[in-house]
Amino acid sequence: MNLRVRRTDPPVITPNTVAVITDAFVPLVGWRDVPVQKEVRDELTSLERFVLEMALKLGVVTAEDFAEVVSLPQQVLAAGATRLVAGGALHLVGDRYEVETDVATRALAERGIRRLLPTTADFVLLPRTGDLFALPARKKAWLRQLETTRLVPVGNAPVPPNLWLQRRSEYLASRIRAGDVILLDPGIADVSKVEDDPPLVPPTGREEARLCPSYRCRAEVTVDDSGTPVVHADLHGKARKRKSAGDTSDETKFVTVRLTGAENLVGEWLALTRALEQASVLADAWQVVVPAVTGVPTPVSRRGPVEWDFPLDHHAARSVVSRKQRLDQQMGLSVASHTATATLVCRFVPNDDAARGLFAVDTAVGGLLTSVEPSAAATDICARAAAEHGVPAARVGRQAVHHRAWDLGYHRLVYALREAEDFHYD
């Protein structure tokens, strides 16, 4: 896979961040109000528990047996068996109820009966990666928000040929039964069969190829307490103008989408954060970060999921210094494939004693810039910077720090430091 590396601003991350996706193209196909079977659980009544216990003991229950045991009208048995039949614990054969032992035993253990009820759900397929979502069929579900926002796709993407001949209900049902669907609407157990099952993806115009809309996306992937990836994502773009007069809006619209569970898509994004492990990508990264470095690229080390350390020897550190760039500041590096761009946080670290001296001076400058009273704190800040990098305090003298601050363009800081040193009003 051909990857492009660019210098950029460092992303803002949290300790749980494992990927920052600044731009991605996400093709998707959505279906509204697909007929499904949803499993619901009802707590057993006392009558239902009694009927189940009786059925398990006798194997079958008849109205006559029921009336003889409990001295209640036979109609009561029908009332007590209705949900049990719907849940598959009993089967009505002629005038008697036969027990389904496994289902009845589970119902008693759970103190509830599971039933399948007809309803509808929305589905979203990411055809390039194969991730499939089942969403609740309600107004605030994100597929419907995408439609009502009238978000304009960035273009069309090809649908893989293996999906061209698939029928919608048959395909969705097979994925449900395989447990291969991210259920944002819990309880969906099956997709109902329909007559004249439509194509999963209809042909586009006269072309044989199937296409689907592709949207621009930005996302951050974090991990929860169990280490499971959680995706925070927005689709964005312009909205189609309505035909009504006066609709001249041209602002960018955002639709928050739930992509948590899309293992294949997230896997592609996480692979981009590991791209510096590839020799060719590492070589490109070094040329972006320190263009003057030649020869075999020095290996970098991973500080965190999206954080990388670039070790600099004295020659490389001098090259960075000459470009008026601080050695102690983070930088951003974007790694882009043809489908997504991930942004990494990169830092320089010293790799020899001479480099450590240069790093210590820049660390002192950084400390002075954040100090409330840099003049009063200068001596202490310089000493701490020297200790942090393990170099003698003399290598982080005030004169060296002044020169470096001036070279970096921090003129006001230098004026403040020199004023305190050169003009005494005691």
Protein backbone atom coordinates (compact mmCIF):
# COMPACT_ATOMS: atom_id res chain seq x y z
CA MET A 1 0.00 0.00 0.00
CA ASN A 2 1.40 3.36 -1.07
CA LEU A 3 1.42 5.79 1.84
CA ARG A 4 2.11 9.53 1.78
CA VAL A 5 3.78 11.30 4.72
CA ARG A 6 3.36 15.01 5.43
CA ARG A 7 4.26 17.42 8.22
CA THR A 8 1.25 18.90 10.03
CA ASP A 9 0.09 20.27 13.36
CA PRO A 10 0.12 17.72 16.20
CA PRO A 11 -3.33 16.42 17.15
CA VAL A 12 -4.85 16.86 20.58
CA ILE A 13 -5.08 13.45 22.22
CA THR A 14 -6.10 11.85 25.51
CA PRO A 15 -4.46 8.92 27.32
CA ASN A 16 -7.09 6.64 25.74
CA THR A 17 -6.59 7.80 22.13
CA VAL A 18 -5.41 5.07 19.77
CA ALA A 19 -6.03 6.79 16.40
CA VAL A 20 -6.79 10.27 15.09
CA ILE A 21 -8.29 10.20 11.61
CA THR A 22 -8.33 13.71 10.20
CA ASP A 23 -9.86 12.68 6.90
CA ALA A 24 -11.31 9.48 5.50
CA PHE A 25 -13.61 8.34 2.73
CA VAL A 26 -16.37 6.05 3.98
CA PRO A 27 -18.59 4.41 1.32
CA LEU A 28 -21.91 3.19 2.68
CA VAL A 29 -25.22 1.69 1.65
CA GLY A 30 -28.29 2.12 3.85
CA TRP A 31 -31.75 0.54 3.96
CA ARG A 32 -34.66 1.94 5.92
CA ASP A 33 -37.49 -0.01 7.59
CA VAL A 34 -36.31 -3.52 6.78
CA PRO A 35 -38.78 -6.12 8.18
CA VAL A 36 -37.11 -8.07 10.99
CA GLN A 37 -37.92 -10.40 13.85
CA LYS A 38 -36.96 -8.97 17.22
CA GLU A 39 -36.59 -11.02 20.36
CA VAL A 40 -38.41 -9.71 23.43
CA ARG A 41 -38.40 -11.20 26.91
CA ASP A 42 -41.52 -11.29 29.09
CA GLU A 43 -41.42 -12.22 32.76
CA LEU A 44 -43.36 -15.38 33.48
CA THR A 45 -46.59 -15.13 35.41
CA SER A 46 -47.40 -17.60 38.18
CA LEU A 47 -49.87 -19.32 35.86
CA GLU A 48 -47.26 -19.66 33.09
CA ARG A 49 -44.70 -21.10 35.47
CA PHE A 50 -47.24 -23.65 36.67
CA VAL A 51 -48.17 -24.65 33.10
CA LEU A 52 -44.49 -25.11 32.20
CA GLU A 53 -43.75 -27.18 35.29
CA MET A 54 -46.80 -29.33 34.59
CA ALA A 55 -45.78 -29.76 30.93
CA LEU A 56 -42.22 -30.75 31.84
CA LYS A 57 -43.50 -33.32 34.32
CA LEU A 58 -46.19 -34.85 32.09
CA GLY A 59 -44.67 -34.24 28.65
CA VAL A 60 -48.01 -32.92 27.38
CA VAL A 61 -50.84 -30.86 28.90
CA THR A 62 -54.51 -31.16 27.96
CA ALA A 63 -57.39 -28.99 29.01
CA GLU A 64 -58.88 -31.93 30.91
CA ASP A 65 -55.65 -32.56 32.83
CA PHE A 66 -55.37 -28.88 33.67
CA ALA A 67 -58.95 -28.59 34.87
CA GLU A 68 -58.62 -31.74 36.97
CA VAL A 69 -55.42 -30.53 38.69
CA VAL A 70 -56.31 -26.90 39.39
CA SER A 71 -60.14 -26.98 39.26
CA LEU A 72 -60.17 -23.97 36.91
CA PRO A 73 -62.06 -23.53 33.63
CA GLN A 74 -60.32 -24.97 30.59
CA GLN A 75 -60.13 -21.50 29.00
CA VAL A 76 -57.59 -20.51 31.65
CA LEU A 77 -55.08 -22.96 30.17
CA ALA A 78 -55.35 -21.29 26.76
CA ALA A 79 -54.66 -17.92 28.35
CA GLY A 80 -51.68 -19.27 30.26
CA ALA A 81 -50.24 -21.02 27.22
CA THR A 82 -50.50 -18.24 24.62
CA ARG A 83 -47.09 -16.61 25.20
CA LEU A 84 -45.51 -19.99 25.89
CA VAL A 85 -46.57 -21.17 22.44
CA ALA A 86 -45.34 -17.90 20.87
CA GLY A 87 -42.00 -18.39 22.63
CA GLY A 88 -41.63 -21.99 21.44
CA ALA A 89 -41.81 -23.61 24.90
CA LEU A 90 -45.09 -25.37 24.00
CA HIS A 91 -46.55 -26.60 20.71
CA LEU A 92 -50.30 -26.93 20.21
CA VAL A 93 -50.97 -30.25 18.53
CA GLY A 94 -54.68 -30.89 18.12
CA ASP A 95 -56.18 -30.26 21.54
CA ARG A 96 -53.07 -30.74 23.61
CA TYR A 97 -49.85 -28.83 24.35
CA GLU A 98 -46.58 -30.64 23.82
CA VAL A 99 -43.50 -29.36 25.62
CA GLU A 100 -40.20 -28.28 24.02
CA THR A 101 -38.00 -29.40 26.89
CA ASP A 102 -34.92 -27.22 26.30
CA VAL A 103 -36.92 -24.04 25.74
CA ALA A 104 -39.22 -24.68 28.69
CA THR A 105 -36.31 -25.44 31.02
CA ARG A 106 -34.51 -22.25 29.98
CA ALA A 107 -37.67 -20.19 30.45
CA LEU A 108 -38.09 -21.47 34.00
CA ALA A 109 -34.43 -20.83 34.79
CA GLU A 110 -34.62 -17.28 33.40
CA ARG A 111 -38.11 -16.73 34.84
CA GLY A 112 -39.02 -15.30 31.45
CA ILE A 113 -40.14 -16.37 28.00
CA ARG A 114 -38.47 -15.13 24.83
CA ARG A 115 -40.63 -14.35 21.83
CA LEU A 116 -40.01 -13.11 18.30
CA LEU A 117 -42.12 -10.13 17.27
CA PRO A 118 -42.28 -8.56 13.81
CA THR A 119 -40.88 -5.02 13.58
CA THR A 120 -38.53 -3.02 11.37
CA ALA A 121 -34.91 -1.86 11.59
CA ASP A 122 -32.47 0.19 9.54
CA PHE A 123 -29.27 -1.35 8.20
CA VAL A 124 -26.01 0.26 7.07
CA LEU A 125 -23.32 -1.64 5.18
CA LEU A 126 -19.79 -0.37 4.64
CA PRO A 127 -19.22 -2.37 1.43
CA ARG A 128 -15.48 -1.80 1.12
CA THR A 129 -14.70 -3.23 4.57
CA GLY A 130 -17.79 -5.41 4.99
CA ASP A 131 -18.87 -3.97 8.35
CA LEU A 132 -22.66 -4.15 8.81
CA PHE A 133 -24.80 -2.26 11.33
CA ALA A 134 -28.41 -2.75 12.46
CA LEU A 135 -29.92 0.51 13.71
CA PRO A 136 -33.21 1.26 15.46
CA ALA A 137 -35.85 2.49 13.04
CA ARG A 138 -36.45 5.83 14.72
CA LYS A 139 -36.04 9.45 13.74
CA LYS A 140 -32.81 10.08 15.66
CA ALA A 141 -30.98 7.04 14.28
CA TRP A 142 -27.96 8.29 12.35
CA LEU A 143 -28.96 6.87 8.96
CA ARG A 144 -32.12 8.97 9.11
CA GLN A 145 -30.16 11.99 10.30
CA LEU A 146 -27.89 11.56 7.31
CA GLU A 147 -30.90 11.67 5.01
CA THR A 148 -32.70 14.58 6.68
CA THR A 149 -29.49 16.63 6.77
CA ARG A 150 -29.26 16.06 2.98
CA LEU A 151 -25.51 15.62 3.23
CA VAL A 152 -23.85 15.56 -0.19
CA PRO A 153 -21.50 12.60 -0.76
CA VAL A 154 -17.98 13.39 -1.88
CA GLY A 155 -18.51 10.97 -4.76
CA ASN A 156 -19.42 7.40 -5.63
CA ALA A 157 -17.43 4.31 -4.73
CA PRO A 158 -17.53 0.87 -6.36
CA VAL A 159 -19.33 -1.93 -4.56
CA PRO A 160 -17.34 -5.19 -4.48
CA PRO A 161 -18.52 -7.60 -7.24
CA ASN A 162 -19.29 -10.36 -4.70
CA LEU A 163 -22.27 -8.24 -3.54
CA TRP A 164 -23.77 -7.56 -6.99
CA LEU A 165 -25.98 -10.65 -7.16
CA GLN A 166 -27.00 -10.68 -3.49
CA ARG A 167 -30.62 -10.18 -2.46
CA ARG A 168 -31.22 -7.78 0.40
CA SER A 169 -33.25 -9.80 2.90
CA GLU A 170 -31.39 -13.02 2.18
CA TYR A 171 -28.01 -11.33 2.61
CA LEU A 172 -28.93 -9.47 5.79
CA ALA A 173 -30.52 -12.58 7.30
CA SER A 174 -27.41 -14.67 6.63
CA ARG A 175 -25.21 -12.05 8.33
CA ILE A 176 -27.58 -11.90 11.34
CA ARG A 177 -27.55 -15.68 11.74
CA ALA A 178 -23.75 -15.72 11.49
CA GLY A 179 -23.54 -13.19 14.33
CA ASP A 180 -21.72 -10.85 11.95
CA VAL A 181 -23.76 -7.68 12.49
CA ILE A 182 -23.10 -4.78 14.87
CA LEU A 183 -26.46 -4.56 16.64
CA LEU A 184 -27.11 -0.95 17.59
CA ASP A 185 -30.73 -2.11 17.93
CA PRO A 186 -30.40 -4.99 20.42
CA GLY A 187 -32.61 -8.04 20.15
CA ILE A 188 -32.80 -8.39 16.37
CA ALA A 189 -32.81 -12.13 15.78
CA ASP A 190 -33.59 -12.48 12.08
CA VAL A 191 -34.59 -10.67 8.93
CA SER A 192 -38.04 -11.55 7.65
CA LYS A 193 -38.39 -13.17 4.25
CA VAL A 194 -40.16 -10.99 1.72
CA GLU A 195 -41.64 -11.72 -1.67
CA ASP A 196 -39.70 -10.34 -4.61
CA ASP A 197 -36.61 -9.75 -2.47
CA PRO A 198 -34.91 -6.64 -3.95
CA PRO A 199 -31.24 -6.54 -4.98
CA LEU A 200 -28.83 -5.66 -2.20
CA VAL A 201 -27.40 -2.87 -4.39
CA PRO A 202 -29.34 -2.01 -7.55
CA PRO A 203 -27.46 -1.28 -10.80
CA THR A 204 -26.51 2.34 -11.34
CA GLY A 205 -28.12 3.58 -14.55
CA ARG A 206 -27.17 1.46 -17.52
CA GLU A 207 -23.90 0.35 -16.02
CA GLU A 208 -23.44 -3.19 -14.82
CA ALA A 209 -21.17 -2.04 -11.99
CA ARG A 210 -22.72 -1.17 -8.65
CA LEU A 211 -21.86 2.13 -7.00
CA CYS A 212 -22.66 3.62 -3.62
CA PRO A 213 -22.22 7.10 -2.08
CA SER A 214 -18.95 7.85 -0.29
CA TYR A 215 -18.79 10.43 2.50
CA ARG A 216 -15.93 12.35 4.07
CA CYS A 217 -15.33 11.41 7.67
CA ARG A 218 -13.23 12.56 10.61
CA ALA A 219 -12.83 10.37 13.66
CA GLU A 220 -11.01 9.64 16.87
CA VAL A 221 -10.65 6.09 18.14
CA THR A 222 -10.26 5.61 21.88
CA VAL A 223 -10.32 2.54 24.09
CA ASP A 224 -12.66 1.98 27.01
CA ASP A 225 -11.77 0.38 30.34
CA SER A 226 -11.90 -3.08 28.79
CA GLY A 227 -9.60 -2.11 25.92
CA THR A 228 -12.39 -2.14 23.33
CA PRO A 229 -12.01 0.46 20.55
CA VAL A 230 -14.67 3.18 20.64
CA VAL A 231 -15.15 5.32 17.51
CA HIS A 232 -16.18 8.98 17.73
CA ALA A 233 -16.92 9.97 14.13
CA ASP A 234 -18.64 12.62 12.04
CA LEU A 235 -19.56 12.56 8.37
CA HIS A 236 -19.32 16.04 6.91
CA GLY A 237 -19.87 18.03 3.74
CA LYS A 238 -22.24 20.43 2.08
CA ALA A 239 -26.00 19.90 2.25
CA ARG A 240 -28.21 19.73 -0.82
CA LYS A 241 -30.16 22.94 -1.18
CA ARG A 242 -33.89 22.60 -0.90
CA LYS A 243 -36.09 23.78 -3.73
CA SER A 244 -37.88 26.19 -1.44
CA ALA A 245 -37.07 29.82 -2.12
CA GLY A 246 -34.45 31.44 0.02
CA ASP A 247 -32.40 28.30 0.77
CA THR A 248 -28.91 29.60 0.01
CA SER A 249 -27.12 27.84 2.85
CA ASP A 250 -23.62 26.74 1.91
CA GLU A 251 -22.23 25.86 5.32
CA THR A 252 -20.59 22.56 6.16
CA LYS A 253 -22.89 20.09 7.87
CA PHE A 254 -21.85 17.38 10.33
CA VAL A 255 -23.66 14.15 11.14
CA THR A 256 -22.43 12.16 14.13
CA VAL A 257 -22.36 8.45 13.29
CA ARG A 258 -21.85 5.38 15.49
CA LEU A 259 -19.10 3.28 13.94
CA THR A 260 -18.03 1.49 17.12
CA GLY A 261 -17.78 -2.20 16.33
CA ALA A 262 -16.67 -1.72 12.71
CA GLU A 263 -13.63 -3.92 13.26
CA ASN A 264 -12.47 -3.99 9.64
CA LEU A 265 -12.67 -0.21 9.19
CA VAL A 266 -11.01 0.46 12.54
CA GLY A 267 -8.35 -2.11 11.73
CA GLU A 268 -7.40 -0.14 8.60
CA TRP A 269 -7.19 3.07 10.62
CA LEU A 270 -5.07 1.50 13.36
CA ALA A 271 -2.71 0.11 10.73
CA LEU A 272 -1.92 3.68 9.66
CA THR A 273 -0.77 4.52 13.20
CA ARG A 274 1.79 1.69 12.90
CA ALA A 275 3.02 2.76 9.47
CA LEU A 276 6.40 4.00 10.73
CA GLU A 277 7.31 0.36 11.32
CA GLN A 278 7.64 0.04 7.53
CA ALA A 279 11.11 0.90 6.24
CA SER A 280 9.90 2.88 3.21
CA VAL A 281 7.46 4.95 5.27
CA LEU A 282 10.10 5.56 7.94
CA ALA A 283 12.52 6.85 5.29
CA ASP A 284 9.88 9.26 4.00
CA ALA A 285 9.08 10.38 7.55
CA TRP A 286 12.74 11.22 8.27
CA GLN A 287 12.94 13.30 5.08
CA VAL A 288 9.87 15.24 6.19
CA VAL A 289 11.02 15.70 9.79
CA VAL A 290 14.75 16.34 9.23
CA PRO A 291 15.40 16.79 5.49
CA ALA A 292 19.18 17.04 5.96
CA VAL A 293 19.46 13.50 7.39
CA THR A 294 20.99 11.07 4.91
CA GLY A 295 21.87 7.42 4.92
CA VAL A 296 19.94 4.60 6.53
CA PRO A 297 17.06 6.05 8.62
CA THR A 298 17.50 5.66 12.36
CA PRO A 299 14.74 3.47 13.87
CA VAL A 300 12.09 5.35 15.80
CA SER A 301 10.35 4.16 18.95
CA ARG A 302 6.69 4.15 19.80
CA ARG A 303 5.86 6.10 22.95
CA GLY A 304 2.12 5.42 22.73
CA PRO A 305 -0.55 4.30 20.23
CA VAL A 306 -0.21 7.54 18.21
CA GLU A 307 3.07 8.89 19.63
CA TRP A 308 6.53 8.33 18.15
CA ASP A 309 10.02 9.42 19.24
CA PHE A 310 12.63 10.42 16.64
CA PRO A 311 16.19 10.08 18.05
CA LEU A 312 18.58 12.82 16.91
CA ASP A 313 22.35 12.72 17.02
CA HIS A 314 24.34 15.97 17.16
CA HIS A 315 24.38 16.39 13.38
CA ALA A 316 20.60 15.92 13.05
CA ALA A 317 19.90 18.11 16.08
CA ARG A 318 22.06 20.91 14.62
CA SER A 319 20.07 20.64 11.39
CA VAL A 320 16.81 21.15 13.30
CA VAL A 321 18.29 24.06 15.26
CA SER A 322 19.47 25.74 12.05
CA ARG A 323 15.91 25.68 10.73
CA LYS A 324 14.82 27.72 13.78
CA GLN A 325 12.74 24.86 15.09
CA ARG A 326 12.60 23.97 18.79
CA LEU A 327 13.86 20.54 19.72
CA ASP A 328 11.48 20.22 22.68
CA GLN A 329 8.24 20.86 20.78
CA GLN A 330 5.84 18.22 19.51
CA MET A 331 5.14 18.02 15.82
CA GLY A 332 2.45 16.32 13.79
CA LEU A 333 2.95 13.80 11.02
CA SER A 334 0.12 12.72 8.73
CA VAL A 335 0.16 9.28 7.11
CA ALA A 336 -2.30 8.99 4.24
CA SER A 337 -3.51 6.03 2.21
CA HIS A 338 -6.03 6.28 -0.63
CA THR A 339 -8.88 5.90 1.89
CA ALA A 340 -7.81 7.67 5.10
CA THR A 341 -5.33 10.01 6.76
CA ALA A 342 -4.10 9.39 10.30
CA THR A 343 -2.20 12.01 12.26
CA LEU A 344 0.60 11.11 14.65
CA VAL A 345 2.28 12.98 17.49
CA CYS A 346 6.05 13.00 17.05
CA ARG A 347 8.84 14.18 19.35
CA PHE A 348 12.58 14.58 19.04
CA VAL A 349 14.78 12.85 21.64
CA PRO A 350 18.57 13.21 21.98
CA ASN A 351 20.70 10.29 20.87
CA ASP A 352 24.19 11.40 21.98
CA ASP A 353 25.82 13.68 24.53
CA ALA A 354 26.33 16.61 22.14
CA ALA A 355 22.65 16.48 21.14
CA ARG A 356 21.60 16.45 24.79
CA GLY A 357 23.26 19.84 25.29
CA LEU A 358 21.25 21.36 22.44
CA PHE A 359 18.05 19.79 23.79
CA ALA A 360 18.74 21.18 27.27
CA VAL A 361 19.06 24.74 25.93
CA ASP A 362 15.74 24.46 24.05
CA THR A 363 14.08 22.95 27.12
CA ALA A 364 15.25 25.97 29.14
CA VAL A 365 13.82 28.35 26.50
CA GLY A 366 10.51 26.51 26.66
CA GLY A 367 10.46 26.76 30.44
CA LEU A 368 11.14 30.50 30.34
CA LEU A 369 8.32 31.05 27.85
CA THR A 370 5.80 29.48 30.23
CA SER A 371 7.15 31.14 33.38
CA VAL A 372 5.20 33.98 34.99
CA GLU A 373 8.44 35.73 36.00
CA PRO A 374 11.14 34.40 33.66
CA SER A 375 13.83 36.79 34.91
CA ALA A 376 13.51 35.63 38.51
CA ALA A 377 13.18 31.97 37.56
CA ALA A 378 15.87 31.84 34.85
CA THR A 379 18.66 30.36 36.95
CA ASP A 380 16.43 27.62 38.36
CA ILE A 381 14.87 26.83 34.95
CA CYS A 382 18.29 26.50 33.30
CA ALA A 383 19.53 24.21 36.10
CA ARG A 384 16.45 21.97 35.83
CA ALA A 385 16.84 21.73 32.05
CA ALA A 386 20.48 20.67 32.43
CA ALA A 387 19.55 18.05 35.03
CA GLU A 388 16.68 16.73 32.89
CA HIS A 389 19.04 15.96 30.01
CA GLY A 390 22.00 14.91 32.15
CA VAL A 391 24.44 17.61 31.06
CA PRO A 392 26.59 20.00 33.12
CA ALA A 393 24.84 23.21 34.15
CA ALA A 394 27.53 25.24 32.35
CA ARG A 395 26.19 23.97 29.00
CA VAL A 396 22.88 25.64 29.70
CA GLY A 397 24.22 29.06 30.62
CA ARG A 398 22.11 32.19 30.42
CA GLN A 399 24.09 33.50 27.46
CA ALA A 400 23.42 30.35 25.41
CA VAL A 401 19.76 30.48 26.31
CA HIS A 402 19.53 34.18 25.34
CA HIS A 403 21.11 33.53 21.94
CA ARG A 404 18.82 30.61 21.25
CA ALA A 405 15.68 32.53 22.29
CA TRP A 406 16.69 35.42 20.02
CA ASP A 407 17.38 33.07 17.13
CA LEU A 408 13.91 31.54 17.56
CA GLY A 409 12.29 34.97 17.42
CA TYR A 410 11.35 35.29 21.10
CA HIS A 411 12.60 38.86 21.21
CA ARG A 412 10.35 40.07 24.03
CA LEU A 413 11.60 37.26 26.24
CA VAL A 414 15.21 38.26 25.56
CA TYR A 415 14.46 41.94 26.26
CA ALA A 416 12.85 41.00 29.58
CA LEU A 417 15.78 38.83 30.59
CA ARG A 418 18.42 41.41 29.59
CA GLU A 419 16.56 44.23 31.26
CA ALA A 420 16.63 42.43 34.59
CA GLU A 421 20.32 41.65 34.17
CA ASP A 422 21.55 45.00 32.78
CA PHE A 423 19.43 47.48 34.69
CA HIS A 424 19.28 47.32 38.48
CA TYR A 425 17.23 49.79 40.47
CA ASP A 426 18.14 48.74 43.98
